[in-house]
Amino acid sequence: MCFFYRNDHSVWEIALDRAVFGRSTLTTMDTTGTYPPHGEPGFAYDPVGKVIGGAILDGRFYAFDPGAKARTNEAIR
């Protein structure tokens, strides 16, 4: 699970231990790519592509690939 912190554009990985919640961890991820310049980005998980995408602004779609720890953006055609 990921948390996007818009104040400093960091991405955090949340690893929940549902058996013992106190063993859950929160770790900053080293990522590449451009964070969307959107003030209120909205994202959704794509289970087929395995990316988190959204934050559409100025004709661009922003995505984050948690496996690659990479952000991308593409022009919407």
N, C-alpha and C. Protein backbone atom coordinates (compact mmCIF):
# COMPACT_ATOMS: atom_id res chain seq x y z
N MET A 1 0.85 -1.16 0.00
CA MET A 1 0.00 0.00 0.00
C MET A 1 0.91 1.24 0.00
N CYS A 2 0.48 2.28 -0.71
CA CYS A 2 1.28 3.50 -0.81
C CYS A 2 0.50 4.70 -0.29
N PHE A 3 1.24 5.66 0.23
CA PHE A 3 0.69 6.94 0.66
C PHE A 3 1.48 8.03 -0.05
N PHE A 4 0.77 8.93 -0.72
CA PHE A 4 1.40 10.05 -1.42
C PHE A 4 1.28 11.29 -0.54
N TYR A 5 2.40 11.85 -0.15
CA TYR A 5 2.40 13.04 0.69
C TYR A 5 2.67 14.26 -0.18
N ARG A 6 1.64 15.01 -0.48
CA ARG A 6 1.75 16.08 -1.46
C ARG A 6 2.60 17.26 -0.99
N ASN A 7 2.78 17.44 0.31
CA ASN A 7 3.55 18.60 0.78
C ASN A 7 5.01 18.55 0.34
N ASP A 8 5.60 17.36 0.38
CA ASP A 8 7.00 17.26 -0.06
C ASP A 8 7.18 16.28 -1.22
N HIS A 9 6.05 15.81 -1.78
CA HIS A 9 6.01 14.92 -2.94
C HIS A 9 6.63 13.55 -2.67
N SER A 10 6.70 13.17 -1.42
CA SER A 10 7.26 11.85 -1.09
C SER A 10 6.19 10.77 -1.24
N VAL A 11 6.67 9.54 -1.39
CA VAL A 11 5.80 8.37 -1.45
C VAL A 11 6.23 7.46 -0.32
N TRP A 12 5.27 6.98 0.43
CA TRP A 12 5.53 6.11 1.58
C TRP A 12 4.92 4.74 1.33
N GLU A 13 5.66 3.71 1.67
CA GLU A 13 5.15 2.34 1.59
C GLU A 13 4.64 1.94 2.97
N ILE A 14 3.39 1.49 3.00
CA ILE A 14 2.78 1.05 4.24
C ILE A 14 2.67 -0.47 4.19
N ALA A 15 3.33 -1.14 5.12
CA ALA A 15 3.26 -2.60 5.22
C ALA A 15 2.51 -2.94 6.49
N LEU A 16 1.24 -3.31 6.35
CA LEU A 16 0.41 -3.61 7.50
C LEU A 16 0.61 -5.05 7.97
N ASP A 17 0.80 -5.20 9.25
CA ASP A 17 0.77 -6.52 9.87
C ASP A 17 -0.59 -6.60 10.56
N ARG A 18 -1.52 -7.26 9.93
CA ARG A 18 -2.89 -7.30 10.46
C ARG A 18 -3.01 -8.15 11.71
N ALA A 19 -2.07 -9.06 11.94
CA ALA A 19 -2.11 -9.89 13.14
C ALA A 19 -1.67 -9.09 14.37
N VAL A 20 -0.58 -8.33 14.21
CA VAL A 20 -0.07 -7.49 15.29
C VAL A 20 0.17 -6.11 14.69
N PHE A 21 -0.80 -5.24 14.81
CA PHE A 21 -0.76 -3.94 14.15
C PHE A 21 0.50 -3.15 14.50
N GLY A 22 1.01 -3.30 15.69
CA GLY A 22 2.20 -2.58 16.13
C GLY A 22 3.46 -2.95 15.35
N ARG A 23 3.44 -4.07 14.63
CA ARG A 23 4.58 -4.46 13.81
C ARG A 23 4.48 -3.91 12.39
N SER A 24 3.45 -3.16 12.11
CA SER A 24 3.32 -2.53 10.79
C SER A 24 4.43 -1.51 10.62
N THR A 25 4.81 -1.28 9.36
CA THR A 25 5.90 -0.33 9.10
C THR A 25 5.47 0.72 8.07
N LEU A 26 6.12 1.85 8.14
CA LEU A 26 5.92 2.97 7.23
C LEU A 26 7.31 3.42 6.79
N THR A 27 7.60 3.31 5.48
CA THR A 27 8.94 3.58 4.97
C THR A 27 8.86 4.51 3.77
N THR A 28 9.77 5.50 3.72
CA THR A 28 9.86 6.37 2.56
C THR A 28 10.43 5.58 1.39
N MET A 29 9.82 5.74 0.21
CA MET A 29 10.31 5.07 -1.00
C MET A 29 11.17 6.05 -1.80
N ASP A 30 12.30 5.58 -2.30
CA ASP A 30 13.10 6.36 -3.25
C ASP A 30 12.46 6.17 -4.61
N THR A 31 11.97 7.24 -5.19
CA THR A 31 11.24 7.15 -6.46
C THR A 31 11.91 7.99 -7.53
N THR A 32 11.55 7.70 -8.78
CA THR A 32 12.01 8.49 -9.91
C THR A 32 10.79 9.08 -10.60
N GLY A 33 11.02 10.07 -11.43
CA GLY A 33 9.95 10.66 -12.21
C GLY A 33 9.40 11.93 -11.60
N THR A 34 8.42 12.51 -12.29
CA THR A 34 7.85 13.80 -11.93
C THR A 34 6.56 13.64 -11.15
N TYR A 35 6.49 14.29 -10.01
CA TYR A 35 5.25 14.32 -9.22
C TYR A 35 4.27 15.26 -9.92
N PRO A 36 2.99 14.92 -9.96
CA PRO A 36 2.04 15.81 -10.64
C PRO A 36 1.92 17.16 -9.94
N PRO A 37 1.82 18.24 -10.71
CA PRO A 37 1.73 19.57 -10.12
C PRO A 37 0.33 19.92 -9.62
N HIS A 38 -0.52 18.95 -9.55
CA HIS A 38 -1.92 19.12 -9.16
C HIS A 38 -2.02 19.39 -7.66
N GLY A 39 -2.82 20.37 -7.26
CA GLY A 39 -3.00 20.69 -5.85
C GLY A 39 -3.81 19.65 -5.09
N GLU A 40 -4.74 19.01 -5.75
CA GLU A 40 -5.58 17.98 -5.14
C GLU A 40 -5.64 16.76 -6.05
N PRO A 41 -4.52 16.02 -6.17
CA PRO A 41 -4.54 14.88 -7.09
C PRO A 41 -5.44 13.76 -6.59
N GLY A 42 -6.14 13.13 -7.51
CA GLY A 42 -6.94 11.96 -7.20
C GLY A 42 -6.37 10.78 -7.96
N PHE A 43 -6.21 9.65 -7.28
CA PHE A 43 -5.60 8.48 -7.88
C PHE A 43 -6.51 7.27 -7.71
N ALA A 44 -6.33 6.28 -8.56
CA ALA A 44 -7.01 4.99 -8.44
C ALA A 44 -6.03 3.90 -8.84
N TYR A 45 -6.20 2.72 -8.26
CA TYR A 45 -5.32 1.60 -8.58
C TYR A 45 -5.86 0.83 -9.77
N ASP A 46 -4.99 0.53 -10.73
CA ASP A 46 -5.33 -0.28 -11.89
C ASP A 46 -4.76 -1.67 -11.66
N PRO A 47 -5.61 -2.66 -11.30
CA PRO A 47 -5.09 -4.00 -11.00
C PRO A 47 -4.53 -4.73 -12.21
N VAL A 48 -4.95 -4.36 -13.42
CA VAL A 48 -4.42 -5.00 -14.62
C VAL A 48 -3.01 -4.48 -14.92
N GLY A 49 -2.86 -3.18 -14.95
CA GLY A 49 -1.55 -2.57 -15.22
C GLY A 49 -0.66 -2.50 -14.00
N LYS A 50 -1.24 -2.74 -12.81
CA LYS A 50 -0.52 -2.68 -11.53
C LYS A 50 0.14 -1.33 -11.31
N VAL A 51 -0.58 -0.26 -11.67
CA VAL A 51 -0.11 1.10 -11.43
C VAL A 51 -1.21 1.89 -10.71
N ILE A 52 -0.80 2.97 -10.09
CA ILE A 52 -1.72 3.91 -9.46
C ILE A 52 -1.74 5.13 -10.37
N GLY A 53 -2.89 5.48 -10.88
CA GLY A 53 -2.94 6.55 -11.87
C GLY A 53 -4.02 7.57 -11.60
N GLY A 54 -3.87 8.73 -12.23
CA GLY A 54 -4.86 9.79 -12.10
C GLY A 54 -4.19 11.14 -12.15
N ALA A 55 -4.63 12.04 -11.24
CA ALA A 55 -4.07 13.39 -11.13
C ALA A 55 -4.02 14.10 -12.48
N ILE A 56 -5.08 13.96 -13.26
CA ILE A 56 -5.12 14.57 -14.59
C ILE A 56 -5.11 16.09 -14.47
N LEU A 57 -4.20 16.70 -15.22
CA LEU A 57 -4.08 18.15 -15.22
C LEU A 57 -3.46 18.61 -16.53
N ASP A 58 -4.04 19.62 -17.13
CA ASP A 58 -3.52 20.21 -18.37
C ASP A 58 -3.27 19.16 -19.45
N GLY A 59 -4.20 18.21 -19.57
CA GLY A 59 -4.12 17.22 -20.63
C GLY A 59 -3.08 16.13 -20.40
N ARG A 60 -2.63 15.96 -19.16
CA ARG A 60 -1.65 14.92 -18.85
C ARG A 60 -2.21 13.97 -17.79
N PHE A 61 -1.88 12.68 -17.93
CA PHE A 61 -2.27 11.64 -17.00
C PHE A 61 -1.01 11.18 -16.27
N TYR A 62 -1.06 11.15 -14.96
CA TYR A 62 0.09 10.80 -14.14
C TYR A 62 -0.11 9.41 -13.55
N ALA A 63 0.97 8.62 -13.51
CA ALA A 63 0.89 7.27 -12.96
C ALA A 63 2.11 6.99 -12.10
N PHE A 64 1.92 6.06 -11.15
CA PHE A 64 3.01 5.60 -10.30
C PHE A 64 3.02 4.08 -10.33
N ASP A 65 4.18 3.51 -10.64
CA ASP A 65 4.37 2.07 -10.65
C ASP A 65 5.08 1.70 -9.35
N PRO A 66 4.35 1.10 -8.39
CA PRO A 66 4.98 0.78 -7.10
C PRO A 66 6.12 -0.23 -7.22
N GLY A 67 6.03 -1.18 -8.14
CA GLY A 67 7.08 -2.18 -8.31
C GLY A 67 8.38 -1.56 -8.79
N ALA A 68 8.28 -0.64 -9.74
CA ALA A 68 9.46 0.03 -10.29
C ALA A 68 9.82 1.29 -9.51
N LYS A 69 8.93 1.70 -8.60
CA LYS A 69 9.10 2.94 -7.82
C LYS A 69 9.32 4.13 -8.74
N ALA A 70 8.53 4.16 -9.82
CA ALA A 70 8.71 5.19 -10.85
C ALA A 70 7.40 5.90 -11.16
N ARG A 71 7.50 7.21 -11.31
CA ARG A 71 6.38 8.04 -11.75
C ARG A 71 6.54 8.32 -13.24
N THR A 72 5.42 8.32 -13.94
CA THR A 72 5.43 8.68 -15.37
C THR A 72 4.24 9.59 -15.62
N ASN A 73 4.28 10.26 -16.76
CA ASN A 73 3.11 11.04 -17.19
C ASN A 73 3.06 11.04 -18.71
N GLU A 74 1.85 11.04 -19.21
CA GLU A 74 1.64 10.98 -20.65
C GLU A 74 0.57 11.99 -21.05
N ALA A 75 0.72 12.53 -22.25
CA ALA A 75 -0.32 13.40 -22.79
C ALA A 75 -1.54 12.56 -23.11
N ILE A 76 -2.71 13.09 -22.80
CA ILE A 76 -3.96 12.42 -23.12
C ILE A 76 -4.29 12.75 -24.57
N ARG A 77 -4.57 11.73 -25.37
CA ARG A 77 -4.84 11.95 -26.79
C ARG A 77 -6.30 11.89 -27.06
